[in-house]
Amino acid sequence: MSLADEAIPAATLILVRDRSGSPPELLMVERSEGMAFAAGALVFPGGRIDEADRRLAGELRLGEDGAARIAAIRETIEETAIPAGLASPPGPSTASSSRPRSRRARTSRTSSNRPGWSSIRPN
């Protein structure tokens, strides 16, 4: 990639979990070794802003950064199965109506397999 290449709009989400008496934990994922960009790197979950993210942000009137916020939350859910940014975890009816996963490969593991991450909710 050169500096002349056009940037791809993307967004990331940084999830922090406070721990009493200990440093906070950060949620990161390890990119698949087969990915074209940053293979094997430890990264915060996130990815490309899709046209569907832009349409939804427009419908919801979320403002200039709305598509990025939607993309960061969507990508985090796809990559980690953690329902970050949702009022409640999706049920079976929601899961069956979800749109298909993106065409690119997904990360395969998170840096923390400890219970409790799924309970994180934004303020």
PDB file of N, CA and C in Angstrom:
ATOM      1  N   MET A   1       0.849  -1.174   0.000  1.00  0.00           N
ATOM      2  CA  MET A   1       0.000   0.000   0.000  1.00  0.00           C
ATOM      3  C   MET A   1       0.889   1.229   0.000  1.00  0.00           C
ATOM      4  N   SER A   2       0.508   2.208  -0.799  1.00  0.00           N
ATOM      5  CA  SER A   2       1.264   3.454  -0.835  1.00  0.00           C
ATOM      6  C   SER A   2       0.407   4.584  -0.288  1.00  0.00           C
ATOM      7  N   LEU A   3       1.047   5.706  -0.045  1.00  0.00           N
ATOM      8  CA  LEU A   3       0.311   6.862   0.451  1.00  0.00           C
ATOM      9  C   LEU A   3      -0.692   7.376  -0.578  1.00  0.00           C
ATOM     10  N   ALA A   4      -0.512   7.014  -1.846  1.00  0.00           N
ATOM     11  CA  ALA A   4      -1.425   7.444  -2.896  1.00  0.00           C
ATOM     12  C   ALA A   4      -2.733   6.653  -2.883  1.00  0.00           C
ATOM     13  N   ASP A   5      -2.747   5.482  -2.237  1.00  0.00           N
ATOM     14  CA  ASP A   5      -3.970   4.693  -2.160  1.00  0.00           C
ATOM     15  C   ASP A   5      -5.027   5.442  -1.372  1.00  0.00           C
ATOM     16  N   GLU A   6      -6.257   5.324  -1.820  1.00  0.00           N
ATOM     17  CA  GLU A   6      -7.360   5.998  -1.146  1.00  0.00           C
ATOM     18  C   GLU A   6      -7.679   5.277   0.166  1.00  0.00           C
ATOM     19  N   ALA A   7      -7.896   6.043   1.212  1.00  0.00           N
ATOM     20  CA  ALA A   7      -8.234   5.468   2.517  1.00  0.00           C
ATOM     21  C   ALA A   7      -9.616   4.842   2.465  1.00  0.00           C
ATOM     22  N   ILE A   8      -9.804   3.733   3.177  1.00  0.00           N
ATOM     23  CA  ILE A   8     -11.094   3.070   3.282  1.00  0.00           C
ATOM     24  C   ILE A   8     -11.721   3.504   4.604  1.00  0.00           C
ATOM     25  N   PRO A   9     -12.900   4.134   4.563  1.00  0.00           N
ATOM     26  CA  PRO A   9     -13.545   4.557   5.811  1.00  0.00           C
ATOM     27  C   PRO A   9     -13.804   3.354   6.711  1.00  0.00           C
ATOM     28  N   ALA A  10     -13.370   3.457   7.938  1.00  0.00           N
ATOM     29  CA  ALA A  10     -13.506   2.369   8.908  1.00  0.00           C
ATOM     30  C   ALA A  10     -13.714   2.960  10.292  1.00  0.00           C
ATOM     31  N   ALA A  11     -14.136   2.112  11.210  1.00  0.00           N
ATOM     32  CA  ALA A  11     -14.375   2.545  12.587  1.00  0.00           C
ATOM     33  C   ALA A  11     -13.987   1.419  13.536  1.00  0.00           C
ATOM     34  N   THR A  12     -13.626   1.786  14.732  1.00  0.00           N
ATOM     35  CA  THR A  12     -13.256   0.796  15.738  1.00  0.00           C
ATOM     36  C   THR A  12     -13.923   1.152  17.060  1.00  0.00           C
ATOM     37  N   LEU A  13     -14.047   0.160  17.917  1.00  0.00           N
ATOM     38  CA  LEU A  13     -14.667   0.351  19.221  1.00  0.00           C
ATOM     39  C   LEU A  13     -13.677  -0.103  20.288  1.00  0.00           C
ATOM     40  N   ILE A  14     -13.462   0.734  21.283  1.00  0.00           N
ATOM     41  CA  ILE A  14     -12.576   0.373  22.386  1.00  0.00           C
ATOM     42  C   ILE A  14     -13.448   0.104  23.606  1.00  0.00           C
ATOM     43  N   LEU A  15     -13.463  -1.164  24.032  1.00  0.00           N
ATOM     44  CA  LEU A  15     -14.233  -1.562  25.207  1.00  0.00           C
ATOM     45  C   LEU A  15     -13.291  -1.681  26.389  1.00  0.00           C
ATOM     46  N   VAL A  16     -13.630  -0.986  27.459  1.00  0.00           N
ATOM     47  CA  VAL A  16     -12.827  -0.989  28.674  1.00  0.00           C
ATOM     48  C   VAL A  16     -13.688  -1.500  29.811  1.00  0.00           C
ATOM     49  N   ARG A  17     -13.139  -2.432  30.586  1.00  0.00           N
ATOM     50  CA  ARG A  17     -13.852  -2.939  31.753  1.00  0.00           C
ATOM     51  C   ARG A  17     -13.042  -2.587  32.995  1.00  0.00           C
ATOM     52  N   ASP A  18     -13.662  -1.802  33.867  1.00  0.00           N
ATOM     53  CA  ASP A  18     -13.010  -1.457  35.134  1.00  0.00           C
ATOM     54  C   ASP A  18     -12.996  -2.670  36.037  1.00  0.00           C
ATOM     55  N   ARG A  19     -11.907  -2.791  36.807  1.00  0.00           N
ATOM     56  CA  ARG A  19     -11.787  -3.874  37.785  1.00  0.00           C
ATOM     57  C   ARG A  19     -11.358  -3.258  39.103  1.00  0.00           C
ATOM     58  N   SER A  20     -12.062  -3.590  40.139  1.00  0.00           N
ATOM     59  CA  SER A  20     -11.765  -3.047  41.460  1.00  0.00           C
ATOM     60  C   SER A  20     -10.358  -3.455  41.891  1.00  0.00           C
ATOM     61  N   GLY A  21      -9.533  -2.476  42.203  1.00  0.00           N
ATOM     62  CA  GLY A  21      -8.193  -2.739  42.708  1.00  0.00           C
ATOM     63  C   GLY A  21      -7.201  -3.227  41.679  1.00  0.00           C
ATOM     64  N   SER A  22      -7.557  -3.250  40.411  1.00  0.00           N
ATOM     65  CA  SER A  22      -6.672  -3.721  39.346  1.00  0.00           C
ATOM     66  C   SER A  22      -6.771  -2.776  38.156  1.00  0.00           C
ATOM     67  N   PRO A  23      -5.785  -2.841  37.287  1.00  0.00           N
ATOM     68  CA  PRO A  23      -5.876  -2.018  36.078  1.00  0.00           C
ATOM     69  C   PRO A  23      -7.086  -2.440  35.241  1.00  0.00           C
ATOM     70  N   PRO A  24      -7.641  -1.526  34.460  1.00  0.00           N
ATOM     71  CA  PRO A  24      -8.770  -1.893  33.599  1.00  0.00           C
ATOM     72  C   PRO A  24      -8.333  -2.888  32.522  1.00  0.00           C
ATOM     73  N   GLU A  25      -9.294  -3.632  31.991  1.00  0.00           N
ATOM     74  CA  GLU A  25      -9.034  -4.564  30.895  1.00  0.00           C
ATOM     75  C   GLU A  25      -9.536  -3.943  29.595  1.00  0.00           C
ATOM     76  N   LEU A  26      -8.804  -4.203  28.520  1.00  0.00           N
ATOM     77  CA  LEU A  26      -9.197  -3.766  27.181  1.00  0.00           C
ATOM     78  C   LEU A  26      -9.552  -4.996  26.370  1.00  0.00           C
ATOM     79  N   LEU A  27     -10.606  -4.910  25.575  1.00  0.00           N
ATOM     80  CA  LEU A  27     -10.975  -6.009  24.692  1.00  0.00           C
ATOM     81  C   LEU A  27     -10.273  -5.818  23.363  1.00  0.00           C
ATOM     82  N   MET A  28      -9.505  -6.826  22.958  1.00  0.00           N
ATOM     83  CA  MET A  28      -8.824  -6.807  21.670  1.00  0.00           C
ATOM     84  C   MET A  28      -9.064  -8.145  20.986  1.00  0.00           C
ATOM     85  N   VAL A  29      -8.911  -8.166  19.676  1.00  0.00           N
ATOM     86  CA  VAL A  29      -9.032  -9.395  18.908  1.00  0.00           C
ATOM     87  C   VAL A  29      -7.745  -9.612  18.122  1.00  0.00           C
ATOM     88  N   GLU A  30      -7.480 -10.865  17.802  1.00  0.00           N
ATOM     89  CA  GLU A  30      -6.319 -11.196  16.990  1.00  0.00           C
ATOM     90  C   GLU A  30      -6.788 -11.428  15.561  1.00  0.00           C
ATOM     91  N   ARG A  31      -6.239 -10.658  14.627  1.00  0.00           N
ATOM     92  CA  ARG A  31      -6.624 -10.823  13.223  1.00  0.00           C
ATOM     93  C   ARG A  31      -6.107 -12.147  12.686  1.00  0.00           C
ATOM     94  N   SER A  32      -6.879 -12.754  11.823  1.00  0.00           N
ATOM     95  CA  SER A  32      -6.520 -14.026  11.214  1.00  0.00           C
ATOM     96  C   SER A  32      -5.202 -13.892  10.450  1.00  0.00           C
ATOM     97  N   GLU A  33      -4.409 -14.946  10.459  1.00  0.00           N
ATOM     98  CA  GLU A  33      -3.140 -14.945   9.710  1.00  0.00           C
ATOM     99  C   GLU A  33      -3.373 -14.840   8.205  1.00  0.00           C
ATOM    100  N   GLY A  34      -4.567 -15.198   7.742  1.00  0.00           N
ATOM    101  CA  GLY A  34      -4.856 -15.170   6.318  1.00  0.00           C
ATOM    102  C   GLY A  34      -5.348 -13.834   5.796  1.00  0.00           C
ATOM    103  N   MET A  35      -5.461 -12.834   6.651  1.00  0.00           N
ATOM    104  CA  MET A  35      -5.983 -11.535   6.207  1.00  0.00           C
ATOM    105  C   MET A  35      -4.905 -10.761   5.443  1.00  0.00           C
ATOM    106  N   ALA A  36      -5.353  -9.992   4.450  1.00  0.00           N
ATOM    107  CA  ALA A  36      -4.423  -9.232   3.613  1.00  0.00           C
ATOM    108  C   ALA A  36      -3.775  -8.078   4.374  1.00  0.00           C
ATOM    109  N   PHE A  37      -4.514  -7.461   5.303  1.00  0.00           N
ATOM    110  CA  PHE A  37      -4.011  -6.301   6.027  1.00  0.00           C
ATOM    111  C   PHE A  37      -3.805  -6.660   7.489  1.00  0.00           C
ATOM    112  N   ALA A  38      -2.635  -6.413   8.022  1.00  0.00           N
ATOM    113  CA  ALA A  38      -2.294  -6.591   9.441  1.00  0.00           C
ATOM    114  C   ALA A  38      -2.590  -8.006   9.950  1.00  0.00           C
ATOM    115  N   ALA A  39      -2.247  -8.998   9.167  1.00  0.00           N
ATOM    116  CA  ALA A  39      -2.468 -10.391   9.560  1.00  0.00           C
ATOM    117  C   ALA A  39      -1.777 -10.699  10.892  1.00  0.00           C
ATOM    118  N   GLY A  40      -2.514 -11.336  11.809  1.00  0.00           N
ATOM    119  CA  GLY A  40      -1.959 -11.740  13.091  1.00  0.00           C
ATOM    120  C   GLY A  40      -1.850 -10.636  14.130  1.00  0.00           C
ATOM    121  N   ALA A  41      -2.197  -9.419  13.777  1.00  0.00           N
ATOM    122  CA  ALA A  41      -2.064  -8.298  14.709  1.00  0.00           C
ATOM    123  C   ALA A  41      -3.158  -8.328  15.775  1.00  0.00           C
ATOM    124  N   LEU A  42      -2.832  -7.843  16.960  1.00  0.00           N
ATOM    125  CA  LEU A  42      -3.831  -7.631  18.002  1.00  0.00           C
ATOM    126  C   LEU A  42      -4.402  -6.238  17.798  1.00  0.00           C
ATOM    127  N   VAL A  43      -5.734  -6.159  17.652  1.00  0.00           N
ATOM    128  CA  VAL A  43      -6.387  -4.893  17.325  1.00  0.00           C
ATOM    129  C   VAL A  43      -7.666  -4.735  18.135  1.00  0.00           C
ATOM    130  N   PHE A  44      -8.166  -3.511  18.199  1.00  0.00           N
ATOM    131  CA  PHE A  44      -9.504  -3.292  18.739  1.00  0.00           C
ATOM    132  C   PHE A  44     -10.487  -3.735  17.667  1.00  0.00           C
ATOM    133  N   PRO A  45     -11.641  -4.283  18.050  1.00  0.00           N
ATOM    134  CA  PRO A  45     -12.601  -4.724  17.030  1.00  0.00           C
ATOM    135  C   PRO A  45     -13.113  -3.537  16.221  1.00  0.00           C
ATOM    136  N   GLY A  46     -13.367  -3.776  14.960  1.00  0.00           N
ATOM    137  CA  GLY A  46     -13.876  -2.744  14.076  1.00  0.00           C
ATOM    138  C   GLY A  46     -13.624  -3.103  12.640  1.00  0.00           C
ATOM    139  N   GLY A  47     -13.968  -2.194  11.742  1.00  0.00           N
ATOM    140  CA  GLY A  47     -13.741  -2.455  10.327  1.00  0.00           C
ATOM    141  C   GLY A  47     -14.431  -1.448   9.439  1.00  0.00           C
ATOM    142  N   ARG A  48     -14.583  -1.830   8.195  1.00  0.00           N
ATOM    143  CA  ARG A  48     -15.096  -0.983   7.121  1.00  0.00           C
ATOM    144  C   ARG A  48     -16.509  -0.463   7.413  1.00  0.00           C
ATOM    145  N   ILE A  49     -16.736   0.797   7.049  1.00  0.00           N
ATOM    146  CA  ILE A  49     -18.077   1.380   7.121  1.00  0.00           C
ATOM    147  C   ILE A  49     -18.786   1.009   5.824  1.00  0.00           C
ATOM    148  N   ASP A  50     -19.845   0.202   5.923  1.00  0.00           N
ATOM    149  CA  ASP A  50     -20.594  -0.269   4.763  1.00  0.00           C
ATOM    150  C   ASP A  50     -21.685   0.727   4.381  1.00  0.00           C
ATOM    151  N   GLU A  51     -22.172   0.577   3.144  1.00  0.00           N
ATOM    152  CA  GLU A  51     -23.271   1.429   2.677  1.00  0.00           C
ATOM    153  C   GLU A  51     -24.506   1.242   3.559  1.00  0.00           C
ATOM    154  N   ALA A  52     -24.745   0.017   4.034  1.00  0.00           N
ATOM    155  CA  ALA A  52     -25.891  -0.231   4.921  1.00  0.00           C
ATOM    156  C   ALA A  52     -25.758   0.570   6.220  1.00  0.00           C
ATOM    157  N   ASP A  53     -24.535   0.755   6.710  1.00  0.00           N
ATOM    158  CA  ASP A  53     -24.308   1.567   7.906  1.00  0.00           C
ATOM    159  C   ASP A  53     -24.693   3.019   7.633  1.00  0.00           C
ATOM    160  N   ARG A  54     -24.346   3.507   6.457  1.00  0.00           N
ATOM    161  CA  ARG A  54     -24.675   4.888   6.078  1.00  0.00           C
ATOM    162  C   ARG A  54     -26.187   5.081   5.955  1.00  0.00           C
ATOM    163  N   ARG A  55     -26.849   4.110   5.309  1.00  0.00           N
ATOM    164  CA  ARG A  55     -28.312   4.210   5.158  1.00  0.00           C
ATOM    165  C   ARG A  55     -29.007   4.212   6.511  1.00  0.00           C
ATOM    166  N   LEU A  56     -28.603   3.292   7.397  1.00  0.00           N
ATOM    167  CA  LEU A  56     -29.232   3.220   8.716  1.00  0.00           C
ATOM    168  C   LEU A  56     -28.983   4.503   9.505  1.00  0.00           C
ATOM    169  N   ALA A  57     -27.782   5.019   9.455  1.00  0.00           N
ATOM    170  CA  ALA A  57     -27.468   6.268  10.155  1.00  0.00           C
ATOM    171  C   ALA A  57     -28.326   7.413   9.635  1.00  0.00           C
ATOM    172  N   GLY A  58     -28.553   7.441   8.323  1.00  0.00           N
ATOM    173  CA  GLY A  58     -29.403   8.475   7.743  1.00  0.00           C
ATOM    174  C   GLY A  58     -30.845   8.329   8.187  1.00  0.00           C
ATOM    175  N   GLU A  59     -31.353   7.089   8.169  1.00  0.00           N
ATOM    176  CA  GLU A  59     -32.729   6.839   8.600  1.00  0.00           C
ATOM    177  C   GLU A  59     -32.941   7.230  10.060  1.00  0.00           C
ATOM    178  N   LEU A  60     -31.925   6.979  10.882  1.00  0.00           N
ATOM    179  CA  LEU A  60     -32.023   7.278  12.309  1.00  0.00           C
ATOM    180  C   LEU A  60     -31.591   8.708  12.633  1.00  0.00           C
ATOM    181  N   ARG A  61     -31.140   9.437  11.625  1.00  0.00           N
ATOM    182  CA  ARG A  61     -30.670  10.823  11.804  1.00  0.00           C
ATOM    183  C   ARG A  61     -29.612  10.924  12.899  1.00  0.00           C
ATOM    184  N   LEU A  62     -28.588  10.102  12.752  1.00  0.00           N
ATOM    185  CA  LEU A  62     -27.533  10.049  13.770  1.00  0.00           C
ATOM    186  C   LEU A  62     -26.415  11.061  13.563  1.00  0.00           C
ATOM    187  N   GLY A  63     -26.492  11.847  12.541  1.00  0.00           N
ATOM    188  CA  GLY A  63     -25.482  12.883  12.341  1.00  0.00           C
ATOM    189  C   GLY A  63     -24.290  12.383  11.546  1.00  0.00           C
ATOM    190  N   GLU A  64     -23.301  13.254  11.454  1.00  0.00           N
ATOM    191  CA  GLU A  64     -22.137  13.025  10.607  1.00  0.00           C
ATOM    192  C   GLU A  64     -21.353  11.757  10.957  1.00  0.00           C
ATOM    193  N   ASP A  65     -21.236  11.436  12.240  1.00  0.00           N
ATOM    194  CA  ASP A  65     -20.457  10.255  12.629  1.00  0.00           C
ATOM    195  C   ASP A  65     -21.330   9.025  12.887  1.00  0.00           C
ATOM    196  N   GLY A  66     -22.605   9.091  12.567  1.00  0.00           N
ATOM    197  CA  GLY A  66     -23.530   7.994  12.840  1.00  0.00           C
ATOM    198  C   GLY A  66     -23.151   6.688  12.165  1.00  0.00           C
ATOM    199  N   ALA A  67     -22.754   6.747  10.894  1.00  0.00           N
ATOM    200  CA  ALA A  67     -22.382   5.524  10.176  1.00  0.00           C
ATOM    201  C   ALA A  67     -21.160   4.871  10.813  1.00  0.00           C
ATOM    202  N   ALA A  68     -20.214   5.678  11.265  1.00  0.00           N
ATOM    203  CA  ALA A  68     -19.024   5.131  11.925  1.00  0.00           C
ATOM    204  C   ALA A  68     -19.392   4.460  13.243  1.00  0.00           C
ATOM    205  N   ARG A  69     -20.295   5.079  13.993  1.00  0.00           N
ATOM    206  CA  ARG A  69     -20.719   4.476  15.261  1.00  0.00           C
ATOM    207  C   ARG A  69     -21.426   3.152  15.018  1.00  0.00           C
ATOM    208  N   ILE A  70     -22.303   3.117  14.010  1.00  0.00           N
ATOM    209  CA  ILE A  70     -23.005   1.878  13.685  1.00  0.00           C
ATOM    210  C   ILE A  70     -22.016   0.807  13.238  1.00  0.00           C
ATOM    211  N   ALA A  71     -21.081   1.168  12.367  1.00  0.00           N
ATOM    212  CA  ALA A  71     -20.095   0.210  11.872  1.00  0.00           C
ATOM    213  C   ALA A  71     -19.248  -0.363  13.003  1.00  0.00           C
ATOM    214  N   ALA A  72     -18.804   0.490  13.912  1.00  0.00           N
ATOM    215  CA  ALA A  72     -17.965   0.019  15.022  1.00  0.00           C
ATOM    216  C   ALA A  72     -18.724  -0.980  15.889  1.00  0.00           C
ATOM    217  N   ILE A  73     -19.985  -0.691  16.176  1.00  0.00           N
ATOM    218  CA  ILE A  73     -20.785  -1.610  16.991  1.00  0.00           C
ATOM    219  C   ILE A  73     -21.067  -2.896  16.217  1.00  0.00           C
ATOM    220  N   ARG A  74     -21.469  -2.778  14.947  1.00  0.00           N
ATOM    221  CA  ARG A  74     -21.763  -3.962  14.126  1.00  0.00           C
ATOM    222  C   ARG A  74     -20.540  -4.866  14.011  1.00  0.00           C
ATOM    223  N   GLU A  75     -19.399  -4.285  13.692  1.00  0.00           N
ATOM    224  CA  GLU A  75     -18.178  -5.072  13.544  1.00  0.00           C
ATOM    225  C   GLU A  75     -17.781  -5.740  14.861  1.00  0.00           C
ATOM    226  N   THR A  76     -17.945  -5.030  15.974  1.00  0.00           N
ATOM    227  CA  THR A  76     -17.619  -5.616  17.273  1.00  0.00           C
ATOM    228  C   THR A  76     -18.503  -6.825  17.548  1.00  0.00           C
ATOM    229  N   ILE A  77     -19.785  -6.712  17.264  1.00  0.00           N
ATOM    230  CA  ILE A  77     -20.692  -7.846  17.468  1.00  0.00           C
ATOM    231  C   ILE A  77     -20.303  -9.002  16.547  1.00  0.00           C
ATOM    232  N   GLU A  78     -20.020  -8.714  15.270  1.00  0.00           N
ATOM    233  CA  GLU A  78     -19.635  -9.771  14.329  1.00  0.00           C
ATOM    234  C   GLU A  78     -18.349 -10.466  14.745  1.00  0.00           C
ATOM    235  N   GLU A  79     -17.372  -9.702  15.222  1.00  0.00           N
ATOM    236  CA  GLU A  79     -16.057 -10.260  15.522  1.00  0.00           C
ATOM    237  C   GLU A  79     -15.974 -10.941  16.878  1.00  0.00           C
ATOM    238  N   THR A  80     -16.770 -10.497  17.837  1.00  0.00           N
ATOM    239  CA  THR A  80     -16.619 -11.000  19.207  1.00  0.00           C
ATOM    240  C   THR A  80     -17.866 -11.651  19.775  1.00  0.00           C
ATOM    241  N   ALA A  81     -19.015 -11.458  19.158  1.00  0.00           N
ATOM    242  CA  ALA A  81     -20.315 -11.932  19.661  1.00  0.00           C
ATOM    243  C   ALA A  81     -20.693 -11.263  20.982  1.00  0.00           C
ATOM    244  N   ILE A  82     -20.088 -10.136  21.268  1.00  0.00           N
ATOM    245  CA  ILE A  82     -20.428  -9.361  22.459  1.00  0.00           C
ATOM    246  C   ILE A  82     -21.431  -8.291  22.034  1.00  0.00           C
ATOM    247  N   PRO A  83     -22.615  -8.262  22.644  1.00  0.00           N
ATOM    248  CA  PRO A  83     -23.654  -7.323  22.204  1.00  0.00           C
ATOM    249  C   PRO A  83     -23.425  -5.888  22.694  1.00  0.00           C
ATOM    250  N   ALA A  84     -22.274  -5.344  22.397  1.00  0.00           N
ATOM    251  CA  ALA A  84     -21.947  -3.970  22.790  1.00  0.00           C
ATOM    252  C   ALA A  84     -22.851  -2.993  22.072  1.00  0.00           C
ATOM    253  N   GLY A  85     -23.334  -1.988  22.795  1.00  0.00           N
ATOM    254  CA  GLY A  85     -24.143  -0.956  22.192  1.00  0.00           C
ATOM    255  C   GLY A  85     -25.604  -1.314  22.018  1.00  0.00           C
ATOM    256  N   LEU A  86     -26.007  -2.501  22.432  1.00  0.00           N
ATOM    257  CA  LEU A  86     -27.400  -2.911  22.328  1.00  0.00           C
ATOM    258  C   LEU A  86     -28.071  -2.762  23.677  1.00  0.00           C
ATOM    259  N   ALA A  87     -29.339  -2.397  23.672  1.00  0.00           N
ATOM    260  CA  ALA A  87     -30.083  -2.239  24.916  1.00  0.00           C
ATOM    261  C   ALA A  87     -30.203  -3.582  25.646  1.00  0.00           C
ATOM    262  N   SER A  88     -30.332  -4.665  24.881  1.00  0.00           N
ATOM    263  CA  SER A  88     -30.379  -6.003  25.457  1.00  0.00           C
ATOM    264  C   SER A  88     -29.830  -6.968  24.421  1.00  0.00           C
ATOM    265  N   PRO A  89     -29.314  -8.129  24.859  1.00  0.00           N
ATOM    266  CA  PRO A  89     -28.789  -9.097  23.889  1.00  0.00           C
ATOM    267  C   PRO A  89     -29.890  -9.549  22.943  1.00  0.00           C
ATOM    268  N   PRO A  90     -29.539  -9.798  21.672  1.00  0.00           N
ATOM    269  CA  PRO A  90     -30.548 -10.237  20.713  1.00  0.00           C
ATOM    270  C   PRO A  90     -31.085 -11.614  21.054  1.00  0.00           C
ATOM    271  N   GLY A  91     -32.364 -11.829  20.791  1.00  0.00           N
ATOM    272  CA  GLY A  91     -32.990 -13.121  21.008  1.00  0.00           C
ATOM    273  C   GLY A  91     -32.996 -13.932  19.724  1.00  0.00           C
ATOM    274  N   PRO A  92     -33.570 -15.130  19.767  1.00  0.00           N
ATOM    275  CA  PRO A  92     -33.588 -16.005  18.588  1.00  0.00           C
ATOM    276  C   PRO A  92     -34.253 -15.366  17.365  1.00  0.00           C
ATOM    277  N   SER A  93     -35.341 -14.626  17.550  1.00  0.00           N
ATOM    278  CA  SER A  93     -36.014 -14.025  16.398  1.00  0.00           C
ATOM    279  C   SER A  93     -35.144 -12.947  15.757  1.00  0.00           C
ATOM    280  N   THR A  94     -34.413 -12.198  16.554  1.00  0.00           N
ATOM    281  CA  THR A  94     -33.517 -11.172  16.019  1.00  0.00           C
ATOM    282  C   THR A  94     -32.359 -11.822  15.279  1.00  0.00           C
ATOM    283  N   ALA A  95     -31.790 -12.864  15.855  1.00  0.00           N
ATOM    284  CA  ALA A  95     -30.640 -13.525  15.247  1.00  0.00           C
ATOM    285  C   ALA A  95     -30.999 -14.135  13.900  1.00  0.00           C
ATOM    286  N   SER A  96     -32.200 -14.700  13.762  1.00  0.00           N
ATOM    287  CA  SER A  96     -32.573 -15.340  12.505  1.00  0.00           C
ATOM    288  C   SER A  96     -32.846 -14.330  11.408  1.00  0.00           C
ATOM    289  N   SER A  97     -33.146 -13.090  11.767  1.00  0.00           N
ATOM    290  CA  SER A  97     -33.421 -12.078  10.749  1.00  0.00           C
ATOM    291  C   SER A  97     -32.220 -11.196  10.453  1.00  0.00           C
ATOM    292  N   SER A  98     -31.085 -11.485  11.076  1.00  0.00           N
ATOM    293  CA  SER A  98     -29.890 -10.658  10.870  1.00  0.00           C
ATOM    294  C   SER A  98     -29.399 -10.773   9.445  1.00  0.00           C
ATOM    295  N   ARG A  99     -28.737  -9.699   8.996  1.00  0.00           N
ATOM    296  CA  ARG A  99     -28.182  -9.751   7.653  1.00  0.00           C
ATOM    297  C   ARG A  99     -26.985 -10.688   7.630  1.00  0.00           C
ATOM    298  N   PRO A 100     -26.636 -11.218   6.446  1.00  0.00           N
ATOM    299  CA  PRO A 100     -25.500 -12.139   6.362  1.00  0.00           C
ATOM    300  C   PRO A 100     -24.207 -11.447   6.753  1.00  0.00           C
ATOM    301  N   ARG A 101     -23.260 -12.238   7.187  1.00  0.00           N
ATOM    302  CA  ARG A 101     -21.953 -11.708   7.566  1.00  0.00           C
ATOM    303  C   ARG A 101     -21.253 -11.119   6.360  1.00  0.00           C
ATOM    304  N   SER A 102     -20.357 -10.238   6.634  1.00  0.00           N
ATOM    305  CA  SER A 102     -19.582  -9.588   5.587  1.00  0.00           C
ATOM    306  C   SER A 102     -18.780 -10.619   4.800  1.00  0.00           C
ATOM    307  N   ARG A 103     -18.367 -10.244   3.603  1.00  0.00           N
ATOM    308  CA  ARG A 103     -17.643 -11.156   2.722  1.00  0.00           C
ATOM    309  C   ARG A 103     -16.202 -11.392   3.146  1.00  0.00           C
ATOM    310  N   ARG A 104     -15.668 -10.576   4.010  1.00  0.00           N
ATOM    311  CA  ARG A 104     -14.265 -10.780   4.376  1.00  0.00           C
ATOM    312  C   ARG A 104     -14.134 -11.685   5.589  1.00  0.00           C
ATOM    313  N   ALA A 105     -12.962 -12.242   5.729  1.00  0.00           N
ATOM    314  CA  ALA A 105     -12.703 -13.158   6.851  1.00  0.00           C
ATOM    315  C   ALA A 105     -12.805 -12.415   8.168  1.00  0.00           C
ATOM    316  N   ARG A 106     -13.188 -13.092   9.186  1.00  0.00           N
ATOM    317  CA  ARG A 106     -13.335 -12.506  10.515  1.00  0.00           C
ATOM    318  C   ARG A 106     -12.235 -13.014  11.437  1.00  0.00           C
ATOM    319  N   THR A 107     -12.036 -12.278  12.499  1.00  0.00           N
ATOM    320  CA  THR A 107     -11.083 -12.698  13.501  1.00  0.00           C
ATOM    321  C   THR A 107     -11.604 -13.944  14.193  1.00  0.00           C
ATOM    322  N   SER A 108     -10.703 -14.699  14.781  1.00  0.00           N
ATOM    323  CA  SER A 108     -11.112 -15.987  15.316  1.00  0.00           C
ATOM    324  C   SER A 108     -11.096 -16.074  16.830  1.00  0.00           C
ATOM    325  N   ARG A 109     -10.470 -15.148  17.516  1.00  0.00           N
ATOM    326  CA  ARG A 109     -10.483 -15.252  18.973  1.00  0.00           C
ATOM    327  C   ARG A 109     -10.329 -13.893  19.604  1.00  0.00           C
ATOM    328  N   THR A 110     -10.809 -13.773  20.825  1.00  0.00           N
ATOM    329  CA  THR A 110     -10.657 -12.522  21.560  1.00  0.00           C
ATOM    330  C   THR A 110      -9.523 -12.688  22.553  1.00  0.00           C
ATOM    331  N   SER A 111      -9.027 -11.562  23.049  1.00  0.00           N
ATOM    332  CA  SER A 111      -7.915 -11.625  23.984  1.00  0.00           C
ATOM    333  C   SER A 111      -8.369 -11.962  25.396  1.00  0.00           C
ATOM    334  N   SER A 112      -9.656 -11.951  25.636  1.00  0.00           N
ATOM    335  CA  SER A 112     -10.155 -12.298  26.960  1.00  0.00           C
ATOM    336  C   SER A 112     -11.321 -13.262  26.821  1.00  0.00           C
ATOM    337  N   ASN A 113     -11.178 -14.466  27.342  1.00  0.00           N
ATOM    338  CA  ASN A 113     -12.256 -15.443  27.306  1.00  0.00           C
ATOM    339  C   ASN A 113     -12.970 -15.508  28.640  1.00  0.00           C
ATOM    340  N   ARG A 114     -12.746 -14.511  29.476  1.00  0.00           N
ATOM    341  CA  ARG A 114     -13.351 -14.511  30.801  1.00  0.00           C
ATOM    342  C   ARG A 114     -14.811 -14.122  30.746  1.00  0.00           C
ATOM    343  N   PRO A 115     -15.623 -14.692  31.637  1.00  0.00           N
ATOM    344  CA  PRO A 115     -17.034 -14.288  31.689  1.00  0.00           C
ATOM    345  C   PRO A 115     -17.141 -12.813  32.070  1.00  0.00           C
ATOM    346  N   GLY A 116     -18.224 -12.190  31.684  1.00  0.00           N
ATOM    347  CA  GLY A 116     -18.466 -10.821  32.094  1.00  0.00           C
ATOM    348  C   GLY A 116     -18.423  -9.825  30.968  1.00  0.00           C
ATOM    349  N   TRP A 117     -17.671 -10.125  29.896  1.00  0.00           N
ATOM    350  CA  TRP A 117     -17.610  -9.176  28.795  1.00  0.00           C
ATOM    351  C   TRP A 117     -18.977  -8.959  28.194  1.00  0.00           C
ATOM    352  N   SER A 118     -19.788 -10.009  28.152  1.00  0.00           N
ATOM    353  CA  SER A 118     -21.104  -9.862  27.518  1.00  0.00           C
ATOM    354  C   SER A 118     -22.030  -8.964  28.311  1.00  0.00           C
ATOM    355  N   SER A 119     -21.655  -8.633  29.528  1.00  0.00           N
ATOM    356  CA  SER A 119     -22.526  -7.770  30.336  1.00  0.00           C
ATOM    357  C   SER A 119     -22.190  -6.295  30.190  1.00  0.00           C
ATOM    358  N   ILE A 120     -21.203  -5.962  29.380  1.00  0.00           N
ATOM    359  CA  ILE A 120     -20.825  -4.561  29.205  1.00  0.00           C
ATOM    360  C   ILE A 120     -21.908  -3.829  28.439  1.00  0.00           C
ATOM    361  N   ARG A 121     -22.344  -2.712  28.940  1.00  0.00           N
ATOM    362  CA  ARG A 121     -23.348  -1.867  28.283  1.00  0.00           C
ATOM    363  C   ARG A 121     -22.858  -0.422  28.335  1.00  0.00           C
ATOM    364  N   PRO A 122     -23.119   0.348  27.285  1.00  0.00           N
ATOM    365  CA  PRO A 122     -22.727   1.762  27.345  1.00  0.00           C
ATOM    366  C   PRO A 122     -23.606   2.511  28.345  1.00  0.00           C
ATOM    367  N   ASN A 123     -23.089   3.617  28.874  1.00  0.00           N
ATOM    368  CA  ASN A 123     -23.873   4.436  29.813  1.00  0.00           C
ATOM    369  C   ASN A 123     -24.940   5.207  29.094  1.00  0.00           C
TER     370      ASN A 123
END
